[in-house]
C-alpha atoms as a PDB file:
ATOM      1  CA  UNK A   1     148.065 110.877  96.615  1.00  0.00           C
ATOM      2  CA  UNK A   2     151.831 109.671  97.497  1.00  0.00           C
ATOM      3  CA  UNK A   3     152.133 107.958 100.858  1.00  0.00           C
ATOM      4  CA  UNK A   4     155.221 107.781 102.986  1.00  0.00           C
ATOM      5  CA  UNK A   5     155.466 104.513 104.988  1.00  0.00           C
ATOM      6  CA  UNK A   6     158.725 104.661 107.770  1.00  0.00           C
ATOM      7  CA  UNK A   7     159.263 101.834 109.710  1.00  0.00           C
ATOM      8  CA  UNK A   8     161.073 102.809 113.260  1.00  0.00           C
ATOM      9  CA  UNK A   9     162.449  99.649 114.476  1.00  0.00           C
ATOM     10  CA  UNK A  10     163.851 101.221 117.834  1.00  0.00           C
ATOM     11  CA  UNK A  11     161.412 104.564 118.119  1.00  0.00           C
ATOM     12  CA  UNK A  12     159.479 104.186 121.500  1.00  0.00           C
ATOM     13  CA  UNK A  13     155.164 105.164 121.266  1.00  0.00           C
ATOM     14  CA  UNK A  14     155.836 107.005 124.428  1.00  0.00           C
ATOM     15  CA  UNK A  15     155.666 110.820 125.147  1.00  0.00           C
ATOM     16  CA  UNK A  16     158.186 110.652 127.682  1.00  0.00           C
ATOM     17  CA  UNK A  17     161.464 111.753 125.699  1.00  0.00           C
ATOM     18  CA  UNK A  18     163.479 114.817 126.129  1.00  0.00           C
ATOM     19  CA  UNK A  19     162.954 117.617 123.459  1.00  0.00           C
ATOM     20  CA  UNK A  20     167.092 118.330 124.273  1.00  0.00           C
ATOM     21  CA  UNK A  21     168.322 114.995 123.514  1.00  0.00           C
ATOM     22  CA  UNK A  22     165.664 113.554 120.979  1.00  0.00           C
ATOM     23  CA  UNK A  23     168.007 110.543 119.687  1.00  0.00           C
ATOM     24  CA  UNK A  24     168.671 109.008 123.127  1.00  0.00           C
ATOM     25  CA  UNK A  25     165.663 109.237 124.990  1.00  0.00           C
ATOM     26  CA  UNK A  26     163.357 108.427 122.067  1.00  0.00           C
ATOM     27  CA  UNK A  27     164.901 105.157 120.471  1.00  0.00           C
ATOM     28  CA  UNK A  28     165.831 107.236 117.708  1.00  0.00           C
ATOM     29  CA  UNK A  29     162.969 108.972 117.061  1.00  0.00           C
ATOM     30  CA  UNK A  30     164.397 111.789 115.483  1.00  0.00           C
ATOM     31  CA  UNK A  31     165.297 109.609 112.074  1.00  0.00           C
ATOM     32  CA  UNK A  32     161.525 109.611 111.501  1.00  0.00           C
ATOM     33  CA  UNK A  33     160.866 113.489 112.390  1.00  0.00           C
ATOM     34  CA  UNK A  34     163.647 114.261 109.548  1.00  0.00           C
ATOM     35  CA  UNK A  35     161.768 111.724 107.338  1.00  0.00           C
ATOM     36  CA  UNK A  36     158.339 113.202 107.950  1.00  0.00           C
ATOM     37  CA  UNK A  37     159.832 116.898 107.106  1.00  0.00           C
ATOM     38  CA  UNK A  38     161.300 115.451 103.870  1.00  0.00           C
ATOM     39  CA  UNK A  39     157.747 113.689 103.118  1.00  0.00           C
ATOM     40  CA  UNK A  40     155.882 116.599 104.185  1.00  0.00           C
ATOM     41  CA  UNK A  41     157.232 119.834 103.583  1.00  0.00           C
ATOM     42  CA  UNK A  42     159.108 121.845 100.995  1.00  0.00           C
ATOM     43  CA  UNK A  43     160.672 125.246 101.425  1.00  0.00           C
ATOM     44  CA  UNK A  44     157.669 127.595 102.384  1.00  0.00           C
ATOM     45  CA  UNK A  45     155.163 124.538 102.010  1.00  0.00           C
ATOM     46  CA  UNK A  46     153.503 121.645 102.740  1.00  0.00           C
ATOM     47  CA  UNK A  47     152.811 118.773  99.945  1.00  0.00           C
ATOM     48  CA  UNK A  48     149.062 118.943 100.113  1.00  0.00           C
ATOM     49  CA  UNK A  49     149.156 115.577  98.017  1.00  0.00           C
ATOM     50  CA  UNK A  50     151.075 113.338 100.876  1.00  0.00           C
ATOM     51  CA  UNK A  51     150.202 111.259 103.767  1.00  0.00           C
ATOM     52  CA  UNK A  52     152.889 109.872 106.494  1.00  0.00           C
ATOM     53  CA  UNK A  53     152.480 106.775 108.454  1.00  0.00           C
ATOM     54  CA  UNK A  54     155.495 106.435 111.482  1.00  0.00           C
ATOM     55  CA  UNK A  55     155.111 102.982 112.912  1.00  0.00           C
ATOM     56  CA  UNK A  56     156.690 103.209 116.225  1.00  0.00           C
ATOM     57  CA  UNK A  57     157.999  99.890 117.096  1.00  0.00           C
ATOM     58  CA  UNK A  58     160.387 100.472 119.904  1.00  0.00           C
ATOM     59  CA  UNK A  59     158.053  99.212 122.722  1.00  0.00           C
ATOM     60  CA  UNK A  60     157.221  95.859 122.061  1.00  0.00           C
ATOM     61  CA  UNK A  61     154.016  96.494 124.847  1.00  0.00           C
ATOM     62  CA  UNK A  62     152.998  99.656 122.898  1.00  0.00           C
ATOM     63  CA  UNK A  63     153.260  99.383 119.471  1.00  0.00           C
ATOM     64  CA  UNK A  64     151.747 102.577 118.191  1.00  0.00           C
ATOM     65  CA  UNK A  65     151.317 104.494 114.483  1.00  0.00           C
ATOM     66  CA  UNK A  66     150.725 108.187 113.597  1.00  0.00           C
ATOM     67  CA  UNK A  67     149.550 109.243 110.378  1.00  0.00           C
ATOM     68  CA  UNK A  68     149.737 112.789 109.291  1.00  0.00           C
ATOM     69  CA  UNK A  69     148.284 114.114 106.209  1.00  0.00           C
ATOM     70  CA  UNK A  70     149.448 117.016 104.747  1.00  0.00           C
ATOM     71  CA  UNK A  71     145.955 118.352 103.170  1.00  0.00           C
ATOM     72  CA  UNK A  72     144.791 118.605 106.490  1.00  0.00           C
ATOM     73  CA  UNK A  73     147.329 119.236 109.147  1.00  0.00           C
ATOM     74  CA  UNK A  74     148.184 122.754 110.295  1.00  0.00           C
ATOM     75  CA  UNK A  75     151.045 124.243 111.596  1.00  0.00           C
ATOM     76  CA  UNK A  76     153.649 121.882 110.720  1.00  0.00           C
ATOM     77  CA  UNK A  77     157.187 123.568 111.098  1.00  0.00           C
ATOM     78  CA  UNK A  78     160.624 122.181 109.684  1.00  0.00           C
ATOM     79  CA  UNK A  79     162.505 122.376 112.564  1.00  0.00           C
ATOM     80  CA  UNK A  80     162.744 118.827 114.282  1.00  0.00           C
ATOM     81  CA  UNK A  81     161.853 120.115 117.725  1.00  0.00           C
ATOM     82  CA  UNK A  82     158.625 121.870 116.535  1.00  0.00           C
ATOM     83  CA  UNK A  83     157.950 118.567 114.800  1.00  0.00           C
ATOM     84  CA  UNK A  84     158.941 116.105 117.913  1.00  0.00           C
ATOM     85  CA  UNK A  85     156.936 118.531 120.178  1.00  0.00           C
ATOM     86  CA  UNK A  86     153.530 117.407 117.866  1.00  0.00           C
ATOM     87  CA  UNK A  87     154.585 114.055 117.684  1.00  0.00           C
ATOM     88  CA  UNK A  88     154.834 114.055 121.418  1.00  0.00           C
ATOM     89  CA  UNK A  89     151.370 115.847 121.819  1.00  0.00           C
ATOM     90  CA  UNK A  90     149.881 113.183 120.066  1.00  0.00           C
ATOM     91  CA  UNK A  91     151.773 110.184 121.508  1.00  0.00           C
ATOM     92  CA  UNK A  92     150.144 111.846 125.241  1.00  0.00           C
ATOM     93  CA  UNK A  93     147.211 111.211 123.964  1.00  0.00           C
ATOM     94  CA  UNK A  94     147.490 107.643 122.260  1.00  0.00           C
ATOM     95  CA  UNK A  95     148.942 107.014 125.825  1.00  0.00           C
ATOM     96  CA  UNK A  96     146.053 108.325 128.309  1.00  0.00           C
ATOM     97  CA  UNK A  97     143.056 107.370 125.402  1.00  0.00           C
ATOM     98  CA  UNK A  98     140.909 104.331 125.959  1.00  0.00           C
ATOM     99  CA  UNK A  99     139.450 105.448 122.294  1.00  0.00           C
ATOM    100  CA  UNK A 100     141.639 102.786 120.508  1.00  0.00           C
ATOM    101  CA  UNK A 101     138.701 100.283 118.819  1.00  0.00           C
ATOM    102  CA  UNK A 102     139.490  97.165 116.641  1.00  0.00           C
ATOM    103  CA  UNK A 103     143.172  99.108 115.717  1.00  0.00           C
ATOM    104  CA  UNK A 104     141.742 101.782 113.930  1.00  0.00           C
ATOM    105  CA  UNK A 105     143.225 105.416 113.783  1.00  0.00           C
ATOM    106  CA  UNK A 106     141.898 107.864 116.274  1.00  0.00           C
ATOM    107  CA  UNK A 107     141.753 111.558 114.860  1.00  0.00           C
ATOM    108  CA  UNK A 108     143.560 113.667 117.452  1.00  0.00           C
ATOM    109  CA  UNK A 109     144.099 116.757 115.737  1.00  0.00           C
ATOM    110  CA  UNK A 110     143.211 118.306 112.036  1.00  0.00           C
ATOM    111  CA  UNK A 111     145.199 116.044 109.590  1.00  0.00           C
ATOM    112  CA  UNK A 112     146.812 114.062 112.650  1.00  0.00           C
ATOM    113  CA  UNK A 113     145.939 110.278 114.162  1.00  0.00           C
ATOM    114  CA  UNK A 114     147.125 107.538 115.868  1.00  0.00           C
ATOM    115  CA  UNK A 115     146.478 103.669 115.769  1.00  0.00           C
ATOM    116  CA  UNK A 116     147.366 100.613 117.983  1.00  0.00           C
ATOM    117  CA  UNK A 117     149.218  98.463 116.146  1.00  0.00           C
ATOM    118  CA  UNK A 118     151.814  98.482 113.298  1.00  0.00           C
ATOM    119  CA  UNK A 119     151.463  97.139 109.544  1.00  0.00           C
ATOM    120  CA  UNK A 120     148.991  95.506 110.211  1.00  0.00           C
ATOM    121  CA  UNK A 121     146.856  99.074 111.086  1.00  0.00           C
ATOM    122  CA  UNK A 122     148.548 100.742 108.054  1.00  0.00           C
ATOM    123  CA  UNK A 123     147.877  97.862 105.010  1.00  0.00           C
ATOM    124  CA  UNK A 124     144.173  98.272 105.116  1.00  0.00           C
ATOM    125  CA  UNK A 125     144.635 101.863 104.279  1.00  0.00           C
ATOM    126  CA  UNK A 126     147.033 101.229 101.166  1.00  0.00           C
ATOM    127  CA  UNK A 127     144.080  99.191  99.242  1.00  0.00           C
ATOM    128  CA  UNK A 128     144.374 100.530  95.777  1.00  0.00           C
ATOM    129  CA  UNK A 129     147.691 101.943  96.157  1.00  0.00           C
ATOM    130  CA  UNK A 130     151.024 100.868  94.460  1.00  0.00           C
ATOM    131  CA  UNK A 131     153.306  99.600  96.274  1.00  0.00           C
ATOM    132  CA  UNK A 132     157.215 100.553  96.407  1.00  0.00           C
ATOM    133  CA  UNK A 133     159.791  99.179  99.006  1.00  0.00           C
ATOM    134  CA  UNK A 134     162.613 101.343  99.084  1.00  0.00           C
ATOM    135  CA  UNK A 135     166.006  99.162  99.540  1.00  0.00           C
ATOM    136  CA  UNK A 136     169.581  99.510  98.472  1.00  0.00           C
ATOM    137  CA  UNK A 137     170.542  96.761  95.340  1.00  0.00           C
ATOM    138  CA  UNK A 138     166.604  97.181  93.822  1.00  0.00           C
ATOM    139  CA  UNK A 139     166.298  98.624  90.466  1.00  0.00           C
ATOM    140  CA  UNK A 140     166.780 102.185  90.184  1.00  0.00           C
ATOM    141  CA  UNK A 141     163.448 104.483  89.948  1.00  0.00           C
ATOM    142  CA  UNK A 142     164.584 106.469  87.363  1.00  0.00           C
ATOM    143  CA  UNK A 143     164.203 103.304  84.984  1.00  0.00           C
ATOM    144  CA  UNK A 144     160.934 102.051  86.379  1.00  0.00           C
ATOM    145  CA  UNK A 145     157.248 103.077  84.993  1.00  0.00           C
ATOM    146  CA  UNK A 146     156.055 104.123  88.502  1.00  0.00           C
ATOM    147  CA  UNK A 147     151.824 103.514  87.898  1.00  0.00           C
ATOM    148  CA  UNK A 148     149.037 104.482  89.536  1.00  0.00           C
ATOM    149  CA  UNK A 149     147.508 108.141  90.777  1.00  0.00           C
ATOM    150  CA  UNK A 150     148.130 106.665  94.330  1.00  0.00           C
ATOM    151  CA  UNK A 151     151.274 105.452  95.580  1.00  0.00           C
ATOM    152  CA  UNK A 152     152.774 104.227  98.225  1.00  0.00           C
ATOM    153  CA  UNK A 153     156.280 104.244  99.140  1.00  0.00           C
ATOM    154  CA  UNK A 154     157.987 102.149 102.391  1.00  0.00           C
ATOM    155  CA  UNK A 155     161.246 102.957 103.984  1.00  0.00           C
ATOM    156  CA  UNK A 156     163.053 101.487 106.847  1.00  0.00           C
ATOM    157  CA  UNK A 157     165.064 103.983 109.691  1.00  0.00           C
ATOM    158  CA  UNK A 158     168.585 103.790 110.507  1.00  0.00           C
ATOM    159  CA  UNK A 159     168.200 100.360 110.687  1.00  0.00           C
ATOM    160  CA  UNK A 160     166.627  99.033 107.755  1.00  0.00           C
ATOM    161  CA  UNK A 161     163.497  96.828 107.719  1.00  0.00           C
ATOM    162  CA  UNK A 162     162.960  93.698 110.011  1.00  0.00           C
ATOM    163  CA  UNK A 163     162.573  90.504 107.825  1.00  0.00           C
ATOM    164  CA  UNK A 164     159.530  89.497 108.900  1.00  0.00           C
ATOM    165  CA  UNK A 165     158.006  93.256 107.554  1.00  0.00           C
ATOM    166  CA  UNK A 166     160.004  93.041 104.375  1.00  0.00           C
ATOM    167  CA  UNK A 167     158.012  89.514 103.662  1.00  0.00           C
ATOM    168  CA  UNK A 168     155.254  91.135 104.417  1.00  0.00           C
ATOM    169  CA  UNK A 169     155.092  93.748 101.934  1.00  0.00           C
ATOM    170  CA  UNK A 170     156.233  91.544  99.526  1.00  0.00           C
ATOM    171  CA  UNK A 171     153.837  89.445 100.150  1.00  0.00           C
ATOM    172  CA  UNK A 172     151.247  92.269 100.083  1.00  0.00           C
ATOM    173  CA  UNK A 173     152.774  93.145  96.103  1.00  0.00           C
ATOM    174  CA  UNK A 174     155.108  95.358  97.003  1.00  0.00           C
ATOM    175  CA  UNK A 175     157.852  96.463  93.991  1.00  0.00           C
ATOM    176  CA  UNK A 176     161.629  96.723  95.388  1.00  0.00           C
ATOM    177  CA  UNK A 177     163.164  99.859  93.997  1.00  0.00           C
ATOM    178  CA  UNK A 178     166.173 102.244  94.851  1.00  0.00           C
ATOM    179  CA  UNK A 179     167.228 105.703  94.339  1.00  0.00           C
ATOM    180  CA  UNK A 180     170.708 105.052  93.196  1.00  0.00           C
ATOM    181  CA  UNK A 181     174.157 102.740  94.000  1.00  0.00           C
ATOM    182  CA  UNK A 182     174.831 104.290  97.241  1.00  0.00           C
ATOM    183  CA  UNK A 183     172.543 103.681 100.747  1.00  0.00           C
ATOM    184  CA  UNK A 184     171.518 107.003 101.717  1.00  0.00           C
ATOM    185  CA  UNK A 185     169.721 108.266 104.787  1.00  0.00           C
ATOM    186  CA  UNK A 186     166.057 107.696 104.992  1.00  0.00           C
ATOM    187  CA  UNK A 187     165.308 111.299 104.740  1.00  0.00           C
ATOM    188  CA  UNK A 188     167.492 111.676 101.934  1.00  0.00           C
ATOM    189  CA  UNK A 189     166.046 108.762  99.644  1.00  0.00           C
ATOM    190  CA  UNK A 190     162.302 110.465 100.617  1.00  0.00           C
ATOM    191  CA  UNK A 191     163.620 113.831  98.805  1.00  0.00           C
ATOM    192  CA  UNK A 192     165.008 112.040  96.020  1.00  0.00           C
ATOM    193  CA  UNK A 193     161.763 109.936  95.672  1.00  0.00           C
ATOM    194  CA  UNK A 194     159.306 113.516  95.608  1.00  0.00           C
ATOM    195  CA  UNK A 195     162.287 114.962  93.329  1.00  0.00           C
ATOM    196  CA  UNK A 196     161.590 112.330  90.978  1.00  0.00           C
ATOM    197  CA  UNK A 197     157.893 112.163  91.169  1.00  0.00           C
ATOM    198  CA  UNK A 198     158.011 116.436  90.568  1.00  0.00           C
ATOM    199  CA  UNK A 199     159.830 115.870  87.427  1.00  0.00           C
ATOM    200  CA  UNK A 200     157.565 113.521  85.778  1.00  0.00           C
ATOM    201  CA  UNK A 201     154.455 115.559  87.326  1.00  0.00           C
ATOM    202  CA  UNK A 202     155.939 118.670  85.393  1.00  0.00           C
ATOM    203  CA  UNK A 203     156.883 116.787  82.143  1.00  0.00           C
ATOM    204  CA  UNK A 204     153.285 115.433  81.552  1.00  0.00           C
ATOM    205  CA  UNK A 205     152.170 119.162  82.515  1.00  0.00           C
ATOM    206  CA  UNK A 206     154.774 120.686  79.784  1.00  0.00           C
ATOM    207  CA  UNK A 207     153.440 117.799  77.572  1.00  0.00           C
ATOM    208  CA  UNK A 208     150.034 119.118  77.614  1.00  0.00           C
ATOM    209  CA  UNK A 209     150.741 122.570  77.333  1.00  0.00           C
ATOM    210  CA  UNK A 210     148.478 124.439  75.035  1.00  0.00           C
ATOM    211  CA  UNK A 211     151.254 125.466  71.990  1.00  0.00           C
ATOM    212  CA  UNK A 212     150.927 128.869  70.884  1.00  0.00           C
ATOM    213  CA  UNK A 213     150.854 129.121  66.694  1.00  0.00           C
END
């Protein structure tokens, strides 16, 4: 399983944003939407082995996390407006529902759930998963032997990560990694992580492929 946790420092946990102007009315939710697309969608397909957590921290009085599972979600489309519409529905439920209990995820529709809270509701779900923190200047992912069958990659938005969140992740055992010498947009980093993992999986499959004699 591949998990991607995207921390939105300014993204608002509110459905009251305009689809015609997502960046300036949602606290840059557009950054998270593009990251969601990169994490779950590829050309004409959905990654069934991936789960995305979007942390919406832009409203201190209303912090929320959305969880989208590739294996169960339906009708995910790659265009930003469609993904924004889907998230708007999730946030509408979150803003009107009294179902939040003990900061647990509540399923709104197949493969999509919301929870009240931020990293504190995500970390318990990552128990047993190997944590990696994507940040500039860290060791290159191509030189690392990524371990475990369940891996989690944590990324910041256009502002990066708050130092408190970073410290929390390091305390939880997260290993800092990067995808190269230059800082890239969050969605591009996710695409490169997937590409690296895809290549490694293909190499293992070819290694174990029966040889004709």
